[in-house]
Amino acid sequence: MTATSETVTIQITPSVMTDHNSARPHRVPASPVMSWEGRSSSHPRAGLDRAQLFAEDGDWRVGPGTFTGKDGVRRLFEWDVSLSPTLTSQEEGVGIVAKGTVGFRAHRVEQTAEGIPISYPCLSVFEVNEAGKIQHVRSYYDKLGIMHNIASKYPGVKGWFFRKMVNTLVAQGEKGLKR
């Protein structure tokens, strides 16, 4: 990402990146966010080398907590792979948008959780340092919505308790909401 005063939306193909503010495709210097996208279509173990795109003291804030340093980010990837080895992520909406040293990626995550297929939107914000390494990532998604989706499909008595618990939380969150 280069410092500019305008927002640039980047569409990535195998050999050409398109600046949507321009009339014709042209090459745009690669950045960690673009490198990230080149590796994001499938999850099984392929994502573990993404830790190399991070600064030594880089961090990633995500639902389960903040993971700091390359080792912390690597542990996050290993944990994620162990939970759902079939996870995939595809751009949706605006895809990747970058301005200066900050970019965000709108994408849809599809995975299985305890054998139950789920799909949800996610927004990740990337900040890149002077050396071109990812310094910070913050990922946002609806954790309660994901739990509600899983609970609605969970089998047996355990599923019944899970649904009761999650539905109580959802009802509290919607208290006073008129549809």
N, C-alpha and C. Protein backbone atom coordinates (compact mmCIF):
# COMPACT_ATOMS: atom_id res chain seq x y z
N MET A 1 0.85 -1.16 0.00
CA MET A 1 0.00 0.00 0.00
C MET A 1 0.89 1.22 0.00
N THR A 2 0.57 2.19 -0.79
CA THR A 2 1.34 3.42 -0.83
C THR A 2 0.49 4.54 -0.28
N ALA A 3 1.14 5.54 0.27
CA ALA A 3 0.42 6.65 0.86
C ALA A 3 -0.18 7.52 -0.24
N THR A 4 -1.49 7.66 -0.25
CA THR A 4 -2.18 8.54 -1.18
C THR A 4 -3.33 9.20 -0.46
N SER A 5 -3.94 10.17 -1.08
CA SER A 5 -5.06 10.85 -0.44
C SER A 5 -6.40 10.30 -0.90
N GLU A 6 -6.40 9.31 -1.77
CA GLU A 6 -7.67 8.75 -2.22
C GLU A 6 -7.76 7.28 -1.87
N THR A 7 -8.97 6.78 -1.77
CA THR A 7 -9.19 5.37 -1.47
C THR A 7 -9.11 4.60 -2.78
N VAL A 8 -8.37 3.50 -2.77
CA VAL A 8 -8.18 2.70 -3.96
C VAL A 8 -8.72 1.31 -3.68
N THR A 9 -9.60 0.83 -4.53
CA THR A 9 -10.10 -0.53 -4.42
C THR A 9 -9.28 -1.39 -5.35
N ILE A 10 -8.73 -2.47 -4.84
CA ILE A 10 -7.86 -3.33 -5.62
C ILE A 10 -8.57 -4.64 -5.91
N GLN A 11 -8.62 -5.03 -7.18
CA GLN A 11 -9.14 -6.35 -7.56
C GLN A 11 -7.94 -7.17 -7.97
N ILE A 12 -7.80 -8.34 -7.40
CA ILE A 12 -6.59 -9.14 -7.65
C ILE A 12 -6.92 -10.33 -8.54
N THR A 13 -6.13 -10.48 -9.59
CA THR A 13 -6.18 -11.65 -10.45
C THR A 13 -4.78 -12.23 -10.43
N PRO A 14 -4.55 -13.41 -11.02
CA PRO A 14 -3.22 -14.01 -10.91
C PRO A 14 -2.07 -13.12 -11.36
N SER A 15 -2.24 -12.29 -12.38
CA SER A 15 -1.10 -11.51 -12.83
C SER A 15 -1.35 -10.01 -12.92
N VAL A 16 -2.59 -9.57 -12.78
CA VAL A 16 -2.88 -8.15 -12.92
C VAL A 16 -3.74 -7.69 -11.75
N MET A 17 -3.36 -6.56 -11.17
CA MET A 17 -4.17 -5.96 -10.13
C MET A 17 -4.78 -4.69 -10.72
N THR A 18 -6.05 -4.47 -10.47
CA THR A 18 -6.74 -3.35 -11.10
C THR A 18 -7.05 -2.27 -10.09
N ASP A 19 -6.65 -1.05 -10.40
CA ASP A 19 -7.03 0.11 -9.61
C ASP A 19 -8.35 0.60 -10.22
N HIS A 20 -9.46 0.49 -9.47
CA HIS A 20 -10.77 0.82 -10.02
C HIS A 20 -10.94 2.31 -10.28
N ASN A 21 -9.98 3.14 -9.87
CA ASN A 21 -10.03 4.56 -10.18
C ASN A 21 -9.39 4.84 -11.54
N SER A 22 -8.88 3.80 -12.18
CA SER A 22 -8.21 3.93 -13.46
C SER A 22 -9.06 3.25 -14.54
N ALA A 23 -8.95 3.71 -15.76
CA ALA A 23 -9.75 3.15 -16.86
C ALA A 23 -9.23 1.80 -17.33
N ARG A 24 -7.95 1.50 -17.13
CA ARG A 24 -7.43 0.23 -17.62
C ARG A 24 -6.60 -0.46 -16.55
N PRO A 25 -6.53 -1.81 -16.61
CA PRO A 25 -5.74 -2.55 -15.62
C PRO A 25 -4.26 -2.19 -15.73
N HIS A 26 -3.60 -2.14 -14.60
CA HIS A 26 -2.16 -1.96 -14.58
C HIS A 26 -1.61 -2.57 -13.30
N ARG A 27 -0.32 -2.79 -13.29
CA ARG A 27 0.30 -3.41 -12.11
C ARG A 27 0.37 -2.40 -10.97
N VAL A 28 0.06 -2.90 -9.78
CA VAL A 28 0.13 -2.11 -8.57
C VAL A 28 1.15 -2.80 -7.68
N PRO A 29 2.05 -2.05 -7.02
CA PRO A 29 3.05 -2.72 -6.17
C PRO A 29 2.37 -3.63 -5.15
N ALA A 30 2.94 -4.81 -4.96
CA ALA A 30 2.36 -5.78 -4.02
C ALA A 30 2.51 -5.29 -2.59
N SER A 31 1.60 -5.67 -1.74
CA SER A 31 1.65 -5.35 -0.32
C SER A 31 1.25 -6.59 0.45
N PRO A 32 1.47 -6.61 1.78
CA PRO A 32 1.06 -7.79 2.55
C PRO A 32 -0.43 -8.11 2.41
N VAL A 33 -1.28 -7.10 2.32
CA VAL A 33 -2.71 -7.37 2.18
C VAL A 33 -2.99 -8.07 0.86
N MET A 34 -2.31 -7.64 -0.21
CA MET A 34 -2.48 -8.30 -1.51
C MET A 34 -1.90 -9.71 -1.45
N SER A 35 -0.74 -9.87 -0.79
CA SER A 35 -0.14 -11.20 -0.65
C SER A 35 -1.08 -12.10 0.13
N TRP A 36 -1.73 -11.54 1.14
CA TRP A 36 -2.69 -12.29 1.96
C TRP A 36 -3.76 -12.87 1.07
N GLU A 37 -4.33 -12.03 0.19
CA GLU A 37 -5.42 -12.48 -0.67
C GLU A 37 -4.97 -13.60 -1.59
N GLY A 38 -3.75 -13.53 -2.05
CA GLY A 38 -3.25 -14.58 -2.94
C GLY A 38 -3.19 -15.93 -2.26
N ARG A 39 -3.27 -15.96 -0.92
CA ARG A 39 -3.16 -17.20 -0.18
C ARG A 39 -4.45 -17.57 0.54
N SER A 40 -5.55 -16.86 0.30
CA SER A 40 -6.69 -17.00 1.20
C SER A 40 -7.80 -17.92 0.75
N SER A 41 -7.74 -18.50 -0.41
CA SER A 41 -8.90 -19.24 -0.89
C SER A 41 -9.16 -20.53 -0.14
N SER A 42 -8.13 -21.14 0.40
CA SER A 42 -8.34 -22.39 1.10
C SER A 42 -7.49 -22.42 2.36
N HIS A 43 -7.91 -23.13 3.34
CA HIS A 43 -7.36 -23.05 4.68
C HIS A 43 -6.43 -24.19 5.06
N PRO A 44 -6.66 -25.44 4.62
CA PRO A 44 -5.92 -26.56 5.18
C PRO A 44 -4.40 -26.39 5.17
N ARG A 45 -3.87 -26.03 6.31
CA ARG A 45 -2.43 -25.86 6.53
C ARG A 45 -1.76 -24.81 5.65
N ALA A 46 -2.39 -24.38 4.57
CA ALA A 46 -1.78 -23.39 3.68
C ALA A 46 -1.59 -22.06 4.37
N GLY A 47 -2.43 -21.73 5.33
CA GLY A 47 -2.38 -20.43 5.98
C GLY A 47 -1.27 -20.27 6.98
N LEU A 48 -0.62 -21.35 7.39
CA LEU A 48 0.36 -21.23 8.44
C LEU A 48 1.53 -20.34 8.07
N ASP A 49 1.92 -20.25 6.82
CA ASP A 49 3.03 -19.38 6.43
C ASP A 49 2.63 -17.91 6.39
N ARG A 50 1.37 -17.59 6.58
CA ARG A 50 0.94 -16.19 6.61
C ARG A 50 1.57 -15.43 7.76
N ALA A 51 2.00 -16.11 8.80
CA ALA A 51 2.65 -15.45 9.93
C ALA A 51 3.89 -14.69 9.46
N GLN A 52 4.52 -15.13 8.37
CA GLN A 52 5.70 -14.45 7.85
C GLN A 52 5.38 -13.07 7.29
N LEU A 53 4.12 -12.80 7.01
CA LEU A 53 3.71 -11.48 6.51
C LEU A 53 3.62 -10.45 7.64
N PHE A 54 3.69 -10.91 8.89
CA PHE A 54 3.56 -10.03 10.05
C PHE A 54 4.91 -9.52 10.53
N ALA A 55 4.89 -8.32 11.14
CA ALA A 55 6.06 -7.78 11.81
C ALA A 55 6.34 -8.66 13.03
N GLU A 56 7.57 -8.63 13.53
CA GLU A 56 7.93 -9.44 14.69
C GLU A 56 7.00 -9.17 15.88
N ASP A 57 6.61 -7.91 16.06
CA ASP A 57 5.72 -7.55 17.18
C ASP A 57 4.29 -7.28 16.69
N GLY A 58 3.95 -7.75 15.50
CA GLY A 58 2.61 -7.55 14.96
C GLY A 58 1.58 -8.29 15.80
N ASP A 59 0.32 -7.90 15.65
CA ASP A 59 -0.72 -8.58 16.42
C ASP A 59 -2.00 -8.71 15.60
N TRP A 60 -2.83 -9.64 16.05
CA TRP A 60 -4.13 -9.87 15.42
C TRP A 60 -5.17 -9.98 16.53
N ARG A 61 -6.15 -9.05 16.50
CA ARG A 61 -7.27 -9.10 17.43
C ARG A 61 -8.43 -9.75 16.73
N VAL A 62 -8.92 -10.83 17.31
CA VAL A 62 -10.00 -11.61 16.73
C VAL A 62 -10.85 -12.11 17.90
N GLY A 63 -12.03 -12.68 17.63
CA GLY A 63 -12.95 -13.13 18.66
C GLY A 63 -12.32 -13.76 19.89
N PRO A 64 -11.46 -14.78 19.75
CA PRO A 64 -10.90 -15.45 20.93
C PRO A 64 -9.87 -14.63 21.71
N GLY A 65 -9.40 -13.51 21.18
CA GLY A 65 -8.42 -12.69 21.90
C GLY A 65 -7.42 -12.03 20.97
N THR A 66 -6.35 -11.50 21.55
CA THR A 66 -5.28 -10.85 20.79
C THR A 66 -4.07 -11.78 20.76
N PHE A 67 -3.54 -11.99 19.57
CA PHE A 67 -2.39 -12.86 19.37
C PHE A 67 -1.24 -11.98 18.88
N THR A 68 -0.12 -11.99 19.62
CA THR A 68 0.98 -11.07 19.36
C THR A 68 2.22 -11.80 18.89
N GLY A 69 2.92 -11.17 17.94
CA GLY A 69 4.15 -11.73 17.39
C GLY A 69 3.86 -12.84 16.39
N LYS A 70 4.87 -13.18 15.61
CA LYS A 70 4.69 -14.23 14.60
C LYS A 70 4.27 -15.55 15.23
N ASP A 71 4.83 -15.87 16.40
CA ASP A 71 4.47 -17.12 17.06
C ASP A 71 3.01 -17.11 17.51
N GLY A 72 2.55 -15.98 18.03
CA GLY A 72 1.15 -15.86 18.44
C GLY A 72 0.21 -16.00 17.27
N VAL A 73 0.54 -15.33 16.16
CA VAL A 73 -0.29 -15.42 14.96
C VAL A 73 -0.28 -16.85 14.43
N ARG A 74 0.87 -17.49 14.45
CA ARG A 74 0.98 -18.88 13.99
C ARG A 74 0.10 -19.80 14.86
N ARG A 75 0.11 -19.56 16.19
CA ARG A 75 -0.76 -20.37 17.08
C ARG A 75 -2.23 -20.16 16.75
N LEU A 76 -2.61 -18.93 16.41
CA LEU A 76 -3.99 -18.66 16.01
C LEU A 76 -4.35 -19.47 14.77
N PHE A 77 -3.47 -19.47 13.76
CA PHE A 77 -3.74 -20.25 12.54
C PHE A 77 -3.83 -21.74 12.85
N GLU A 78 -2.93 -22.25 13.67
CA GLU A 78 -2.94 -23.68 14.01
C GLU A 78 -4.23 -24.06 14.72
N TRP A 79 -4.67 -23.21 15.66
CA TRP A 79 -5.92 -23.46 16.38
C TRP A 79 -7.10 -23.44 15.41
N ASP A 80 -7.11 -22.45 14.52
CA ASP A 80 -8.20 -22.31 13.55
C ASP A 80 -8.28 -23.53 12.63
N VAL A 81 -7.12 -24.01 12.18
CA VAL A 81 -7.07 -25.19 11.31
C VAL A 81 -7.58 -26.42 12.06
N SER A 82 -7.22 -26.53 13.35
CA SER A 82 -7.65 -27.70 14.12
C SER A 82 -9.17 -27.70 14.32
N LEU A 83 -9.78 -26.52 14.45
CA LEU A 83 -11.23 -26.43 14.62
C LEU A 83 -11.98 -26.72 13.33
N SER A 84 -11.48 -26.17 12.24
CA SER A 84 -12.19 -26.30 10.97
C SER A 84 -11.21 -26.40 9.81
N PRO A 85 -10.74 -27.60 9.49
CA PRO A 85 -9.78 -27.75 8.40
C PRO A 85 -10.35 -27.44 7.02
N THR A 86 -11.65 -27.26 6.91
CA THR A 86 -12.26 -26.99 5.60
C THR A 86 -12.57 -25.52 5.37
N LEU A 87 -12.13 -24.64 6.28
CA LEU A 87 -12.46 -23.22 6.17
C LEU A 87 -12.02 -22.62 4.84
N THR A 88 -12.91 -21.86 4.22
CA THR A 88 -12.57 -21.08 3.02
C THR A 88 -13.03 -19.65 3.23
N SER A 89 -12.44 -18.74 2.49
CA SER A 89 -12.76 -17.33 2.60
C SER A 89 -12.75 -16.72 1.21
N GLN A 90 -13.83 -16.04 0.87
CA GLN A 90 -13.94 -15.41 -0.45
C GLN A 90 -14.36 -13.96 -0.28
N GLU A 91 -13.78 -13.09 -1.09
CA GLU A 91 -14.18 -11.69 -1.05
C GLU A 91 -15.66 -11.55 -1.36
N GLU A 92 -16.27 -10.55 -0.74
CA GLU A 92 -17.63 -10.18 -1.11
C GLU A 92 -17.76 -8.69 -0.91
N GLY A 93 -18.78 -8.12 -1.49
CA GLY A 93 -18.96 -6.68 -1.36
C GLY A 93 -17.82 -5.93 -2.02
N VAL A 94 -17.16 -5.05 -1.26
CA VAL A 94 -16.10 -4.23 -1.82
C VAL A 94 -14.77 -4.96 -1.93
N GLY A 95 -14.64 -6.13 -1.34
CA GLY A 95 -13.38 -6.87 -1.41
C GLY A 95 -12.31 -6.19 -0.59
N ILE A 96 -11.16 -5.88 -1.19
CA ILE A 96 -10.06 -5.20 -0.50
C ILE A 96 -10.07 -3.73 -0.87
N VAL A 97 -10.03 -2.87 0.14
CA VAL A 97 -9.93 -1.43 -0.06
C VAL A 97 -8.74 -0.96 0.75
N ALA A 98 -7.86 -0.16 0.14
CA ALA A 98 -6.65 0.30 0.82
C ALA A 98 -6.50 1.80 0.69
N LYS A 99 -6.02 2.42 1.76
CA LYS A 99 -5.70 3.85 1.76
C LYS A 99 -4.49 4.03 2.67
N GLY A 100 -3.42 4.56 2.10
CA GLY A 100 -2.20 4.73 2.87
C GLY A 100 -1.68 3.38 3.35
N THR A 101 -1.46 3.26 4.64
CA THR A 101 -0.93 2.02 5.20
C THR A 101 -2.01 1.17 5.86
N VAL A 102 -3.27 1.49 5.59
CA VAL A 102 -4.39 0.75 6.17
C VAL A 102 -5.25 0.20 5.05
N GLY A 103 -5.71 -1.02 5.22
CA GLY A 103 -6.61 -1.62 4.24
C GLY A 103 -7.64 -2.45 4.97
N PHE A 104 -8.78 -2.67 4.32
CA PHE A 104 -9.73 -3.61 4.90
C PHE A 104 -10.19 -4.57 3.85
N ARG A 105 -10.61 -5.72 4.33
CA ARG A 105 -11.04 -6.80 3.46
C ARG A 105 -12.41 -7.28 3.91
N ALA A 106 -13.40 -7.16 3.03
CA ALA A 106 -14.73 -7.70 3.30
C ALA A 106 -14.79 -9.08 2.66
N HIS A 107 -15.14 -10.09 3.45
CA HIS A 107 -15.14 -11.45 2.92
C HIS A 107 -16.17 -12.30 3.63
N ARG A 108 -16.49 -13.43 3.03
CA ARG A 108 -17.42 -14.41 3.61
C ARG A 108 -16.62 -15.64 3.96
N VAL A 109 -16.79 -16.09 5.19
CA VAL A 109 -16.11 -17.29 5.68
C VAL A 109 -17.10 -18.44 5.65
N GLU A 110 -16.66 -19.56 5.12
CA GLU A 110 -17.46 -20.78 5.13
C GLU A 110 -16.62 -21.86 5.77
N GLN A 111 -17.21 -22.53 6.77
CA GLN A 111 -16.48 -23.57 7.47
C GLN A 111 -17.45 -24.53 8.12
N THR A 112 -16.91 -25.54 8.78
CA THR A 112 -17.73 -26.44 9.57
C THR A 112 -17.31 -26.29 11.01
N ALA A 113 -18.27 -26.32 11.91
CA ALA A 113 -18.01 -26.26 13.34
C ALA A 113 -18.69 -27.48 13.95
N GLU A 114 -17.90 -28.39 14.47
CA GLU A 114 -18.41 -29.65 15.01
C GLU A 114 -19.30 -30.36 14.00
N GLY A 115 -18.87 -30.34 12.75
CA GLY A 115 -19.58 -31.04 11.68
C GLY A 115 -20.76 -30.27 11.09
N ILE A 116 -21.03 -29.07 11.58
CA ILE A 116 -22.16 -28.27 11.11
C ILE A 116 -21.64 -27.17 10.19
N PRO A 117 -22.10 -27.13 8.93
CA PRO A 117 -21.64 -26.09 8.01
C PRO A 117 -22.21 -24.72 8.39
N ILE A 118 -21.34 -23.71 8.41
CA ILE A 118 -21.77 -22.34 8.69
C ILE A 118 -21.12 -21.39 7.70
N SER A 119 -21.75 -20.24 7.54
CA SER A 119 -21.26 -19.20 6.64
C SER A 119 -21.57 -17.86 7.28
N TYR A 120 -20.60 -16.94 7.27
CA TYR A 120 -20.83 -15.64 7.90
C TYR A 120 -19.91 -14.58 7.27
N PRO A 121 -20.38 -13.31 7.28
CA PRO A 121 -19.55 -12.23 6.77
C PRO A 121 -18.51 -11.81 7.80
N CYS A 122 -17.38 -11.33 7.31
CA CYS A 122 -16.30 -10.89 8.19
C CYS A 122 -15.64 -9.66 7.57
N LEU A 123 -15.18 -8.76 8.42
CA LEU A 123 -14.43 -7.59 7.97
C LEU A 123 -13.12 -7.58 8.73
N SER A 124 -12.00 -7.54 8.02
CA SER A 124 -10.68 -7.49 8.64
C SER A 124 -9.99 -6.20 8.24
N VAL A 125 -9.43 -5.50 9.22
CA VAL A 125 -8.71 -4.25 9.00
C VAL A 125 -7.23 -4.54 9.21
N PHE A 126 -6.41 -4.20 8.20
CA PHE A 126 -4.96 -4.43 8.23
C PHE A 126 -4.24 -3.10 8.32
N GLU A 127 -3.20 -3.04 9.16
CA GLU A 127 -2.31 -1.88 9.20
C GLU A 127 -0.91 -2.38 8.90
N VAL A 128 -0.24 -1.73 7.97
CA VAL A 128 1.08 -2.15 7.52
C VAL A 128 2.12 -1.15 8.01
N ASN A 129 3.28 -1.64 8.47
CA ASN A 129 4.33 -0.74 8.96
C ASN A 129 5.23 -0.26 7.82
N GLU A 130 6.22 0.55 8.17
CA GLU A 130 7.14 1.12 7.18
C GLU A 130 7.92 0.06 6.40
N ALA A 131 8.15 -1.09 7.02
CA ALA A 131 8.90 -2.17 6.37
C ALA A 131 8.02 -3.01 5.45
N GLY A 132 6.71 -2.67 5.38
CA GLY A 132 5.81 -3.42 4.51
C GLY A 132 5.26 -4.69 5.14
N LYS A 133 5.44 -4.84 6.45
CA LYS A 133 4.91 -6.00 7.17
C LYS A 133 3.60 -5.62 7.86
N ILE A 134 2.74 -6.62 8.07
CA ILE A 134 1.48 -6.36 8.76
C ILE A 134 1.78 -6.11 10.24
N GLN A 135 1.36 -4.95 10.73
CA GLN A 135 1.58 -4.58 12.13
C GLN A 135 0.37 -4.95 12.99
N HIS A 136 -0.84 -4.69 12.48
CA HIS A 136 -2.05 -4.97 13.24
C HIS A 136 -3.13 -5.51 12.30
N VAL A 137 -3.91 -6.47 12.78
CA VAL A 137 -5.12 -6.93 12.10
C VAL A 137 -6.21 -6.97 13.15
N ARG A 138 -7.38 -6.47 12.79
CA ARG A 138 -8.56 -6.58 13.63
C ARG A 138 -9.65 -7.20 12.78
N SER A 139 -10.21 -8.30 13.23
CA SER A 139 -11.27 -8.98 12.48
C SER A 139 -12.58 -8.87 13.24
N TYR A 140 -13.64 -8.53 12.51
CA TYR A 140 -14.96 -8.33 13.12
C TYR A 140 -15.98 -9.25 12.47
N TYR A 141 -16.75 -9.93 13.31
CA TYR A 141 -17.83 -10.79 12.84
C TYR A 141 -18.81 -10.98 13.99
N ASP A 142 -19.98 -11.49 13.69
CA ASP A 142 -21.06 -11.64 14.66
C ASP A 142 -20.94 -12.99 15.35
N LYS A 143 -20.24 -13.02 16.51
CA LYS A 143 -20.02 -14.29 17.22
C LYS A 143 -21.34 -14.90 17.69
N LEU A 144 -22.25 -14.09 18.21
CA LEU A 144 -23.52 -14.62 18.69
C LEU A 144 -24.35 -15.17 17.52
N GLY A 145 -24.30 -14.48 16.38
CA GLY A 145 -25.00 -14.98 15.19
C GLY A 145 -24.46 -16.32 14.74
N ILE A 146 -23.15 -16.50 14.84
CA ILE A 146 -22.53 -17.77 14.47
C ILE A 146 -22.99 -18.86 15.44
N MET A 147 -22.97 -18.56 16.73
CA MET A 147 -23.42 -19.54 17.74
C MET A 147 -24.90 -19.89 17.53
N HIS A 148 -25.71 -18.89 17.18
CA HIS A 148 -27.14 -19.13 16.92
C HIS A 148 -27.30 -20.07 15.73
N ASN A 149 -26.52 -19.84 14.69
CA ASN A 149 -26.56 -20.69 13.49
C ASN A 149 -26.19 -22.13 13.84
N ILE A 150 -25.11 -22.31 14.61
CA ILE A 150 -24.68 -23.65 15.00
C ILE A 150 -25.73 -24.31 15.89
N ALA A 151 -26.22 -23.57 16.88
CA ALA A 151 -27.20 -24.13 17.83
C ALA A 151 -28.46 -24.59 17.13
N SER A 152 -28.89 -23.86 16.10
CA SER A 152 -30.12 -24.22 15.40
C SER A 152 -30.01 -25.57 14.68
N LYS A 153 -28.78 -26.03 14.45
CA LYS A 153 -28.57 -27.29 13.72
C LYS A 153 -27.97 -28.39 14.59
N TYR A 154 -27.67 -28.07 15.86
CA TYR A 154 -27.00 -29.03 16.73
C TYR A 154 -27.97 -30.13 17.15
N PRO A 155 -27.57 -31.39 17.06
CA PRO A 155 -28.49 -32.51 17.34
C PRO A 155 -28.61 -32.85 18.83
N GLY A 156 -29.65 -33.56 19.15
CA GLY A 156 -29.82 -34.20 20.45
C GLY A 156 -30.12 -33.26 21.61
N VAL A 157 -30.01 -33.84 22.81
CA VAL A 157 -30.27 -33.10 24.05
C VAL A 157 -29.27 -31.96 24.22
N LYS A 158 -28.02 -32.23 23.90
CA LYS A 158 -27.00 -31.19 23.99
C LYS A 158 -27.39 -30.01 23.09
N GLY A 159 -27.92 -30.30 21.91
CA GLY A 159 -28.39 -29.25 21.00
C GLY A 159 -29.55 -28.47 21.60
N TRP A 160 -30.45 -29.16 22.29
CA TRP A 160 -31.60 -28.49 22.91
C TRP A 160 -31.10 -27.49 23.95
N PHE A 161 -30.14 -27.90 24.82
CA PHE A 161 -29.59 -26.98 25.82
C PHE A 161 -28.85 -25.82 25.15
N PHE A 162 -28.09 -26.13 24.14
CA PHE A 162 -27.34 -25.12 23.40
C PHE A 162 -28.30 -24.09 22.81
N ARG A 163 -29.39 -24.55 22.19
CA ARG A 163 -30.39 -23.63 21.61
C ARG A 163 -31.03 -22.76 22.68
N LYS A 164 -31.39 -23.37 23.82
CA LYS A 164 -32.00 -22.61 24.92
C LYS A 164 -31.07 -21.49 25.38
N MET A 165 -29.80 -21.83 25.57
CA MET A 165 -28.83 -20.86 26.04
C MET A 165 -28.63 -19.73 25.02
N VAL A 166 -28.39 -20.08 23.79
CA VAL A 166 -28.15 -19.07 22.75
C VAL A 166 -29.40 -18.25 22.48
N ASN A 167 -30.56 -18.89 22.41
CA ASN A 167 -31.80 -18.15 22.17
C ASN A 167 -32.10 -17.16 23.30
N THR A 168 -31.73 -17.50 24.55
CA THR A 168 -31.89 -16.57 25.67
C THR A 168 -31.01 -15.34 25.47
N LEU A 169 -29.76 -15.55 25.05
CA LEU A 169 -28.86 -14.43 24.78
C LEU A 169 -29.37 -13.57 23.63
N VAL A 170 -29.85 -14.20 22.56
CA VAL A 170 -30.37 -13.46 21.41
C VAL A 170 -31.60 -12.66 21.85
N ALA A 171 -32.50 -13.26 22.63
CA ALA A 171 -33.70 -12.56 23.10
C ALA A 171 -33.33 -11.35 23.95
N GLN A 172 -32.32 -11.49 24.81
CA GLN A 172 -31.88 -10.36 25.63
C GLN A 172 -31.35 -9.23 24.76
N GLY A 173 -30.61 -9.60 23.72
CA GLY A 173 -30.06 -8.59 22.82
C GLY A 173 -31.11 -7.86 22.00
N GLU A 174 -32.23 -8.54 21.77
CA GLU A 174 -33.31 -7.95 20.97
C GLU A 174 -34.42 -7.36 21.83
N LYS A 175 -34.23 -7.34 23.14
CA LYS A 175 -35.24 -6.84 24.05
C LYS A 175 -35.64 -5.41 23.67
N GLY A 176 -36.92 -5.19 23.48
CA GLY A 176 -37.43 -3.88 23.12
C GLY A 176 -37.41 -3.56 21.64
N LEU A 177 -36.80 -4.43 20.84
CA LEU A 177 -36.73 -4.23 19.39
C LEU A 177 -38.06 -4.57 18.75
N LYS A 178 -38.59 -3.65 17.97
CA LYS A 178 -39.84 -3.93 17.26
C LYS A 178 -39.51 -4.20 15.81
N ARG A 179 -39.98 -5.33 15.32
CA ARG A 179 -39.69 -5.71 13.94
C ARG A 179 -40.83 -5.32 13.04
